[in-house]
Protein backbone atom coordinates (compact mmCIF):
# COMPACT_ATOMS: atom_id res chain seq x y z
CA MET A 1 -113.09 2.88 -60.41
CA SER A 2 -112.72 -0.43 -58.57
CA GLU A 3 -110.66 -1.84 -61.42
CA THR A 4 -108.45 1.26 -61.47
CA LEU A 5 -107.77 0.93 -57.78
CA THR A 6 -106.92 -2.73 -58.21
CA VAL A 7 -104.32 -1.91 -60.89
CA THR A 8 -102.52 0.92 -59.02
CA ALA A 9 -102.31 -0.76 -55.56
CA PRO A 10 -98.81 -2.51 -56.03
CA LEU A 11 -97.00 0.73 -56.99
CA PRO A 12 -95.86 1.68 -53.45
CA GLN A 13 -94.16 -1.70 -52.95
CA THR A 14 -92.31 -1.36 -56.23
CA ASP A 15 -91.05 2.11 -55.21
CA ASN A 16 -89.82 0.80 -51.84
CA ALA A 17 -87.93 -2.03 -53.49
CA ALA A 18 -86.30 0.38 -55.88
CA LYS A 19 -85.30 2.63 -53.02
CA ARG A 20 -83.87 -0.29 -51.06
CA LYS A 21 -81.92 -1.39 -54.11
CA LYS A 22 -80.49 2.07 -54.52
CA LEU A 23 -79.56 2.17 -50.83
CA PHE A 24 -77.82 -1.20 -51.02
CA LEU A 25 -76.00 -0.11 -54.14
CA ALA A 26 -74.95 3.12 -52.44
CA LEU A 27 -73.86 1.22 -49.34
CA GLY A 28 -71.95 -1.28 -51.45
CA GLY A 29 -70.30 1.54 -53.34
CA ALA A 30 -69.39 3.25 -50.09
CA VAL A 31 -67.94 0.03 -48.71
CA ALA A 32 -66.02 -0.59 -51.90
CA LEU A 33 -64.77 2.99 -51.93
CA SER A 34 -63.75 2.73 -48.29
CA ALA A 35 -61.99 -0.56 -48.93
CA ALA A 36 -60.20 0.93 -51.90
CA ALA A 37 -59.27 4.02 -49.90
CA TYR A 38 -58.03 1.89 -47.01
CA GLY A 39 -56.16 -0.36 -49.40
CA ALA A 40 -54.52 2.65 -50.98
CA TYR A 41 -53.75 4.10 -47.56
CA TRP A 42 -52.30 0.80 -46.39
CA THR A 43 -50.26 0.34 -49.55
CA LEU A 44 -48.94 3.89 -49.73
CA VAL A 45 -48.74 4.90 -46.04
CA ALA A 46 -49.67 2.44 -43.29
CA SER A 47 -47.58 -0.46 -44.57
CA HIS A 48 -44.48 1.75 -44.35
CA HIS A 49 -45.03 2.87 -40.75
CA VAL A 50 -45.13 1.14 -37.38
CA THR A 51 -46.53 2.88 -34.33
CA THR A 52 -46.57 2.31 -30.58
CA ASP A 53 -47.84 4.28 -27.63
CA ASN A 54 -45.71 2.15 -25.30
CA ALA A 55 -42.88 4.67 -25.33
CA TYR A 56 -41.41 6.76 -22.53
CA VAL A 57 -38.85 9.52 -22.08
CA ALA A 58 -35.57 8.30 -20.57
CA ALA A 59 -32.13 9.71 -19.79
CA GLU A 60 -28.68 8.67 -18.63
CA ILE A 61 -29.22 9.78 -15.03
CA ALA A 62 -26.08 10.65 -13.04
CA GLN A 63 -26.01 9.23 -9.51
CA VAL A 64 -24.24 11.55 -7.05
CA THR A 65 -22.27 9.53 -4.47
CA PRO A 66 -19.40 10.50 -2.14
CA SER A 67 -15.94 8.96 -2.48
CA ILE A 68 -15.14 9.33 1.23
CA SER A 69 -17.00 8.94 4.52
CA ALA A 70 -17.68 12.14 6.46
CA ASN A 71 -20.32 14.32 8.08
CA VAL A 72 -22.38 16.63 5.87
CA ARG A 73 -21.57 20.28 6.52
CA ALA A 74 -23.89 21.90 3.96
CA VAL A 75 -26.32 20.97 1.17
CA LYS A 76 -26.41 23.61 -1.56
CA VAL A 77 -29.29 22.36 -3.75
CA VAL A 78 -32.89 21.15 -3.56
CA ASP A 79 -35.03 18.92 -5.74
CA THR A 80 -36.01 20.39 -9.15
CA GLN A 81 -33.09 22.85 -9.06
CA ALA A 82 -31.18 23.25 -12.32
CA VAL A 83 -27.40 22.91 -11.98
CA LYS A 84 -24.39 23.20 -14.26
CA ARG A 85 -21.47 20.82 -14.36
CA GLY A 86 -19.06 21.74 -11.56
CA ASP A 87 -21.65 23.46 -9.34
CA VAL A 88 -21.28 22.63 -5.64
CA LEU A 89 -23.97 20.22 -4.46
CA VAL A 90 -22.77 19.11 -1.02
CA GLU A 91 -19.96 20.14 1.34
CA LEU A 92 -18.52 17.59 3.78
CA ASP A 93 -16.61 18.18 6.99
CA ASP A 94 -12.95 18.33 5.90
CA THR A 95 -11.25 18.17 9.33
CA ASP A 96 -10.09 14.56 9.01
CA ALA A 97 -9.06 15.07 5.40
CA ARG A 98 -6.93 18.12 6.26
CA LEU A 99 -5.16 16.27 9.07
CA ALA A 100 -4.50 13.33 6.79
CA LEU A 101 -3.01 15.67 4.19
CA GLU A 102 -0.71 17.30 6.76
CA GLN A 103 0.47 13.88 7.92
CA ALA A 104 1.09 12.75 4.34
CA GLU A 105 3.09 15.89 3.58
CA ALA A 106 5.22 15.28 6.69
CA GLU A 107 5.81 11.67 5.62
CA LEU A 108 6.89 12.89 2.18
CA ALA A 109 9.38 15.35 3.67
CA ARG A 110 10.79 12.62 5.92
CA ALA A 111 11.15 10.23 2.99
CA GLU A 112 13.02 12.87 0.97
CA ARG A 113 15.43 13.51 3.84
CA LYS A 114 15.93 9.77 4.30
CA VAL A 115 16.83 9.28 0.65
CA LYS A 116 19.16 12.26 0.74
CA GLY A 117 20.83 10.50 3.68
CA TYR A 118 21.19 7.37 1.54
CA LEU A 119 22.90 9.40 -1.20
CA ALA A 120 25.21 11.08 1.32
CA SER A 121 26.07 7.70 2.84
CA ASP A 122 27.19 6.50 -0.56
CA ASP A 123 30.05 9.01 -0.51
CA GLY A 124 30.99 8.12 3.08
CA LEU A 125 30.89 4.40 2.44
CA GLN A 126 32.93 4.84 -0.73
CA ALA A 127 35.55 6.66 1.33
CA GLN A 128 35.52 3.78 3.83
CA VAL A 129 36.15 1.32 1.00
CA SER A 130 39.10 3.45 -0.14
CA ALA A 131 40.42 3.52 3.43
CA ARG A 132 40.10 -0.25 3.68
CA ASP A 133 42.04 -0.55 0.42
CA ALA A 134 44.83 1.50 1.95
CA GLU A 135 44.77 -0.64 5.10
CA LEU A 136 44.96 -3.76 2.95
CA LEU A 137 47.98 -2.41 1.08
CA ARG A 138 49.68 -1.52 4.37
CA ALA A 139 48.93 -4.99 5.77
CA LYS A 140 50.43 -6.58 2.66
CA ALA A 141 53.51 -4.37 3.02
CA GLN A 142 53.81 -5.29 6.69
CA LEU A 143 53.48 -8.95 5.79
CA SER A 144 56.23 -8.60 3.20
CA SER A 145 58.44 -6.84 5.74
CA ALA A 146 57.74 -9.50 8.37
CA GLN A 147 58.56 -12.22 5.88
CA SER A 148 61.89 -10.48 5.08
CA ASP A 149 62.71 -10.18 8.78
CA LEU A 150 61.92 -13.85 9.27
CA ASP A 151 64.14 -14.83 6.34
CA ARG A 152 67.01 -12.68 7.64
CA THR A 153 66.77 -14.00 11.20
CA LYS A 154 66.56 -17.56 9.87
CA ILE A 155 69.83 -17.06 7.98
CA ASP A 156 71.49 -15.53 11.06
CA LEU A 157 70.29 -18.38 13.23
CA ASP A 158 71.49 -21.03 10.77
CA ARG A 159 74.93 -19.38 10.47
CA ARG A 160 75.42 -19.12 14.27
CA GLN A 161 74.26 -22.68 14.80
CA ALA A 162 76.91 -23.84 12.27
CA LEU A 163 79.64 -21.76 13.98
CA ALA A 164 78.55 -22.85 17.45
CA LYS A 165 79.78 -26.39 16.70
CA SER A 166 83.32 -25.10 16.28
CA GLY A 167 83.07 -22.82 19.30
CA SER A 168 83.34 -19.65 17.25
CA VAL A 169 80.04 -18.31 18.58
CA SER A 170 79.10 -18.01 22.23
CA GLY A 171 75.97 -19.54 23.60
CA GLU A 172 74.58 -16.13 24.47
CA GLU A 173 74.94 -14.94 20.88
CA LEU A 174 73.22 -18.10 19.67
CA THR A 175 70.41 -17.51 22.12
CA HIS A 176 69.92 -13.94 20.86
CA ALA A 177 69.80 -15.18 17.28
CA LYS A 178 67.18 -17.79 18.18
CA THR A 179 65.13 -15.17 20.06
CA ALA A 180 65.27 -12.81 17.08
CA TYR A 181 64.07 -15.63 14.82
CA ASP A 182 61.15 -16.45 17.10
CA THR A 183 60.22 -12.77 17.29
CA ALA A 184 60.31 -12.43 13.50
CA LYS A 185 58.18 -15.54 13.17
CA SER A 186 55.59 -14.11 15.57
CA ALA A 187 55.64 -10.80 13.71
CA LEU A 188 54.97 -12.69 10.45
CA ASP A 189 51.96 -14.43 12.01
CA ALA A 190 50.69 -11.07 13.28
CA ALA A 191 51.16 -9.55 9.81
CA LYS A 192 49.18 -12.41 8.25
CA ALA A 193 46.36 -11.87 10.77
CA ALA A 194 46.42 -8.14 10.09
CA LEU A 195 46.18 -8.84 6.34
CA ALA A 196 43.21 -11.16 6.89
CA GLN A 197 41.55 -8.50 9.06
CA ALA A 198 42.17 -5.83 6.42
CA GLU A 199 40.64 -8.04 3.74
CA ALA A 200 37.60 -8.70 5.94
CA ASN A 201 37.22 -4.99 6.67
CA LYS A 202 37.34 -4.21 2.96
CA LEU A 203 34.67 -6.83 2.20
CA ALA A 204 32.47 -5.41 4.99
CA ALA A 205 32.87 -1.87 3.66
CA GLN A 206 32.09 -3.01 0.13
CA GLY A 207 28.98 -4.86 1.38
CA SER A 208 27.73 -1.77 3.23
CA LEU A 209 28.33 0.36 0.15
CA LYS A 210 26.54 -2.13 -2.10
CA ALA A 211 23.57 -2.37 0.29
CA ASN A 212 23.27 1.41 0.44
CA GLN A 213 23.64 1.74 -3.33
CA THR A 214 20.80 -0.77 -3.80
CA LEU A 215 18.49 1.72 -2.05
CA THR A 216 19.44 4.48 -4.49
CA ALA A 217 20.41 2.63 -7.67
CA ASN A 218 19.29 4.38 -10.88
CA THR A 219 17.18 6.90 -8.95
CA THR A 220 17.27 10.47 -7.74
CA VAL A 221 15.58 11.92 -4.70
CA ASP A 222 12.42 12.55 -6.73
CA THR A 223 12.34 9.13 -8.40
CA ASN A 224 13.28 7.00 -5.41
CA PRO A 225 10.55 4.43 -4.59
CA GLU A 226 10.25 5.53 -0.96
CA VAL A 227 9.73 9.14 -2.02
CA ALA A 228 7.36 8.12 -4.83
CA LEU A 229 5.24 6.11 -2.38
CA ALA A 230 5.10 8.97 0.10
CA ARG A 231 4.23 11.39 -2.72
CA ALA A 232 1.41 9.11 -3.91
CA LYS A 233 -0.02 9.02 -0.38
CA ARG A 234 0.24 12.81 -0.24
CA ASN A 235 -1.58 13.11 -3.58
CA GLN A 236 -4.28 10.69 -2.39
CA ALA A 237 -4.77 12.75 0.76
CA ARG A 238 -5.01 15.90 -1.37
CA VAL A 239 -7.63 14.25 -3.60
CA ASP A 240 -9.61 13.12 -0.55
CA LEU A 241 -9.60 16.71 0.68
CA GLU A 242 -10.90 17.93 -2.67
CA ARG A 243 -13.61 15.27 -2.54
CA THR A 244 -15.10 16.86 0.57
CA VAL A 245 -16.73 19.25 -1.92
CA ILE A 246 -19.14 17.25 -4.10
CA ARG A 247 -19.89 18.87 -7.46
CA ALA A 248 -22.42 18.23 -10.21
CA PRO A 249 -20.98 15.74 -12.74
CA ILE A 250 -23.19 17.00 -15.60
CA ASP A 251 -25.68 19.73 -16.48
CA GLY A 252 -29.20 18.83 -15.41
CA VAL A 253 -31.91 19.00 -12.78
CA VAL A 254 -31.56 17.71 -9.22
CA ALA A 255 -33.88 14.83 -8.32
CA LYS A 256 -34.31 12.36 -5.44
CA ARG A 257 -32.24 14.32 -2.94
CA GLN A 258 -31.71 12.11 0.10
CA VAL A 259 -28.99 13.91 2.06
CA GLN A 260 -29.39 16.29 5.00
CA VAL A 261 -27.04 18.56 6.97
CA GLY A 262 -25.32 16.76 9.84
CA GLN A 263 -25.85 13.32 8.35
CA ARG A 264 -22.96 10.86 8.50
CA ILE A 265 -22.60 9.44 5.00
CA GLN A 266 -20.55 6.48 3.86
CA SER A 267 -18.51 6.19 0.71
CA GLY A 268 -20.72 5.14 -2.19
CA ALA A 269 -24.05 6.12 -0.58
CA GLN A 270 -26.53 7.70 -3.02
CA LEU A 271 -27.09 11.35 -2.15
CA MET A 272 -29.15 12.55 -5.12
CA SER A 273 -29.52 12.26 -8.88
CA VAL A 274 -28.88 14.76 -11.65
CA VAL A 275 -31.12 14.32 -14.68
CA PRO A 276 -29.75 15.74 -17.97
CA LEU A 277 -33.06 16.94 -19.43
CA GLN A 278 -31.24 18.47 -22.40
CA GLN A 279 -30.02 15.00 -23.42
CA VAL A 280 -33.09 12.81 -22.96
CA HIS A 281 -34.11 10.12 -25.42
CA VAL A 282 -37.14 7.88 -25.89
CA ASP A 283 -37.33 4.18 -25.18
CA ALA A 284 -40.03 2.91 -27.56
CA ASN A 285 -41.26 -0.64 -26.94
CA PHE A 286 -42.42 -2.16 -30.24
CA LYS A 287 -43.99 -5.57 -30.68
CA GLU A 288 -41.65 -8.10 -32.22
CA VAL A 289 -44.01 -8.51 -35.19
CA GLN A 290 -43.55 -4.81 -36.02
CA LEU A 291 -39.77 -4.88 -36.32
CA GLU A 292 -39.20 -6.76 -39.57
CA LYS A 293 -38.45 -3.61 -41.58
CA VAL A 294 -37.15 -1.39 -38.79
CA ARG A 295 -33.50 -0.35 -39.15
CA VAL A 296 -31.10 1.90 -37.28
CA GLY A 297 -31.18 5.43 -38.67
CA GLN A 298 -34.83 5.42 -39.82
CA PRO A 299 -36.77 8.62 -39.02
CA VAL A 300 -39.28 8.70 -36.20
CA THR A 301 -42.11 11.14 -35.47
CA LEU A 302 -43.27 11.42 -31.89
CA HIS A 303 -46.01 13.06 -29.85
CA SER A 304 -46.02 13.50 -26.11
CA ASP A 305 -49.07 13.23 -23.90
CA ILE A 306 -48.05 16.38 -22.04
CA TYR A 307 -48.15 18.60 -25.15
CA GLY A 308 -50.66 16.67 -27.24
CA SER A 309 -50.70 16.13 -31.01
CA ASP A 310 -50.02 19.80 -31.79
CA VAL A 311 -46.33 19.39 -30.89
CA VAL A 312 -44.40 16.99 -33.11
CA TYR A 313 -40.92 15.73 -32.29
CA HIS A 314 -38.61 14.32 -34.92
CA GLY A 315 -35.94 11.75 -34.16
CA LYS A 316 -34.26 8.65 -35.46
CA VAL A 317 -33.68 5.08 -34.37
CA VAL A 318 -30.18 4.80 -32.89
CA GLY A 319 -30.22 1.30 -31.44
CA PHE A 320 -32.01 -1.87 -30.43
CA SER A 321 -31.99 -3.31 -26.94
CA GLY A 322 -30.05 -6.52 -26.38
CA GLY A 323 -33.21 -8.34 -25.30
CA SER A 324 -36.89 -8.02 -24.58
CA GLY A 325 -38.20 -6.63 -21.32
CA SER A 326 -39.16 -10.07 -20.01
CA ALA A 327 -35.63 -11.38 -20.65
CA PHE A 328 -34.21 -8.86 -18.15
CA SER A 329 -37.05 -9.04 -15.61
CA LEU A 330 -36.32 -9.96 -12.00
CA ILE A 331 -38.32 -13.18 -12.37
CA PRO A 332 -38.03 -14.33 -16.02
CA ALA A 333 -40.92 -16.19 -17.60
CA GLN A 334 -40.72 -19.98 -17.28
CA ASN A 335 -41.27 -20.80 -20.94
CA ALA A 336 -40.20 -24.43 -20.46
CA THR A 337 -43.17 -25.30 -18.22
CA GLY A 338 -46.13 -27.33 -19.40
CA ASN A 339 -48.66 -24.51 -19.11
CA TRP A 340 -46.75 -22.23 -21.50
CA ILE A 341 -48.76 -19.61 -23.35
CA LYS A 342 -47.13 -17.61 -26.14
CA VAL A 343 -47.10 -13.87 -25.50
CA VAL A 344 -46.01 -11.36 -28.11
CA GLN A 345 -42.86 -9.75 -26.79
CA ARG A 346 -41.82 -6.11 -27.01
CA LEU A 347 -38.30 -4.98 -27.80
CA PRO A 348 -37.11 -1.55 -26.60
CA LEU A 349 -35.70 0.78 -29.26
CA ARG A 350 -33.67 3.86 -28.45
CA VAL A 351 -34.86 6.96 -30.29
CA GLU A 352 -32.71 10.10 -30.38
CA LEU A 353 -34.59 13.41 -30.38
CA ASP A 354 -33.87 16.66 -32.21
CA PRO A 355 -32.05 18.91 -29.66
CA ALA A 356 -33.66 22.09 -31.04
CA GLU A 357 -37.18 20.67 -30.68
CA LEU A 358 -36.32 19.35 -27.24
CA LYS A 359 -35.10 22.79 -26.18
CA ALA A 360 -38.30 24.41 -27.47
CA HIS A 361 -40.54 21.86 -25.71
CA PRO A 362 -38.66 20.29 -22.78
CA LEU A 363 -39.53 16.78 -21.60
CA GLN A 364 -39.10 15.06 -18.23
CA VAL A 365 -38.01 11.50 -17.65
CA GLY A 366 -40.86 9.00 -17.59
CA LEU A 367 -43.39 10.95 -19.69
CA SER A 368 -45.50 8.96 -22.16
CA MET A 369 -44.87 9.27 -25.88
CA THR A 370 -46.34 7.93 -29.12
CA ALA A 371 -43.70 6.94 -31.68
CA THR A 372 -44.11 6.22 -35.39
CA ILE A 373 -41.22 4.86 -37.46
CA ASP A 374 -41.05 5.39 -41.23
CA THR A 375 -39.82 1.99 -42.40
CA ALA A 376 -39.82 3.07 -46.04
CA SER A 377 -36.51 4.81 -45.39
CA ASN A 378 -34.04 1.93 -45.71
CA LEU A 379 -30.85 3.52 -44.36
């Protein structure tokens, strides 16, 4: 029996070695199978997708600001309230705006009357020019008559002076002839002065007419520059009055309301924001090493943290940002310094969501998302 025991003693060790060998073979097979499965998964699926959880809901938020300075009369909305485009958000005190409109309307009426006066003056000044023409013609006629009288008296004087030498004409008659000549000469000088005055009057009348016509040339009452300027001021005053009622620029939800009744607000001050939740998109920040095969138009599947993995959103890449986040930071990285350390950058991509899915499961700005792009779709 001792010999039998000696022969059978190593059997348990042999069984353990066999078991270990089988376990190692099984483990090796499992590892190989896993590697093959992962390789197949990588080749067929993972290599054609890039994923990031650095993605957030964003929107083109409308900032509500006043165009005029005034006191707040009423605030019609509160934060989280849904509004439609054109809904009244804030009403401002319109007293100053109404007075400005009344003044502008009065200025417009005065400008119209003034231009109508210009047009009426044209007719009057034209009549004055015609009258000056008539005066000029009369002055020329008077000058011609005075010249004829002077010529006649000169002939009479010359004849009497010739006869006076022979004693045929008395001294008194000669004196009368000389007096008549001097009178005719004076009348000629007066006629010349009257002609010069008539010419000057005509030039003055023509100048006044031309100056008045310059104010109305090629225009009517409606198109005259003075009236157009007054009308523009009236229209501006009317617009300012309309701007005392501030309306929603888009459909959305009110956020960050900062205005209160009675507050004096200045033009351009931010009163509130309107967030268009029906038009949100996703800004997905991918690492630069993930973007080699990413193209605009490729499909994207997304999950939101608020709904979990049960709700899937479908979208597409619509654009790449013009630079990485660090490039637009307030204090850019000093990459030229001696202690530079390379950091993988992220580039924001804009992802457009399916409106129907967004309506079924609304999202708010700033919520976290996980985005996966199918790079196998080379659009």
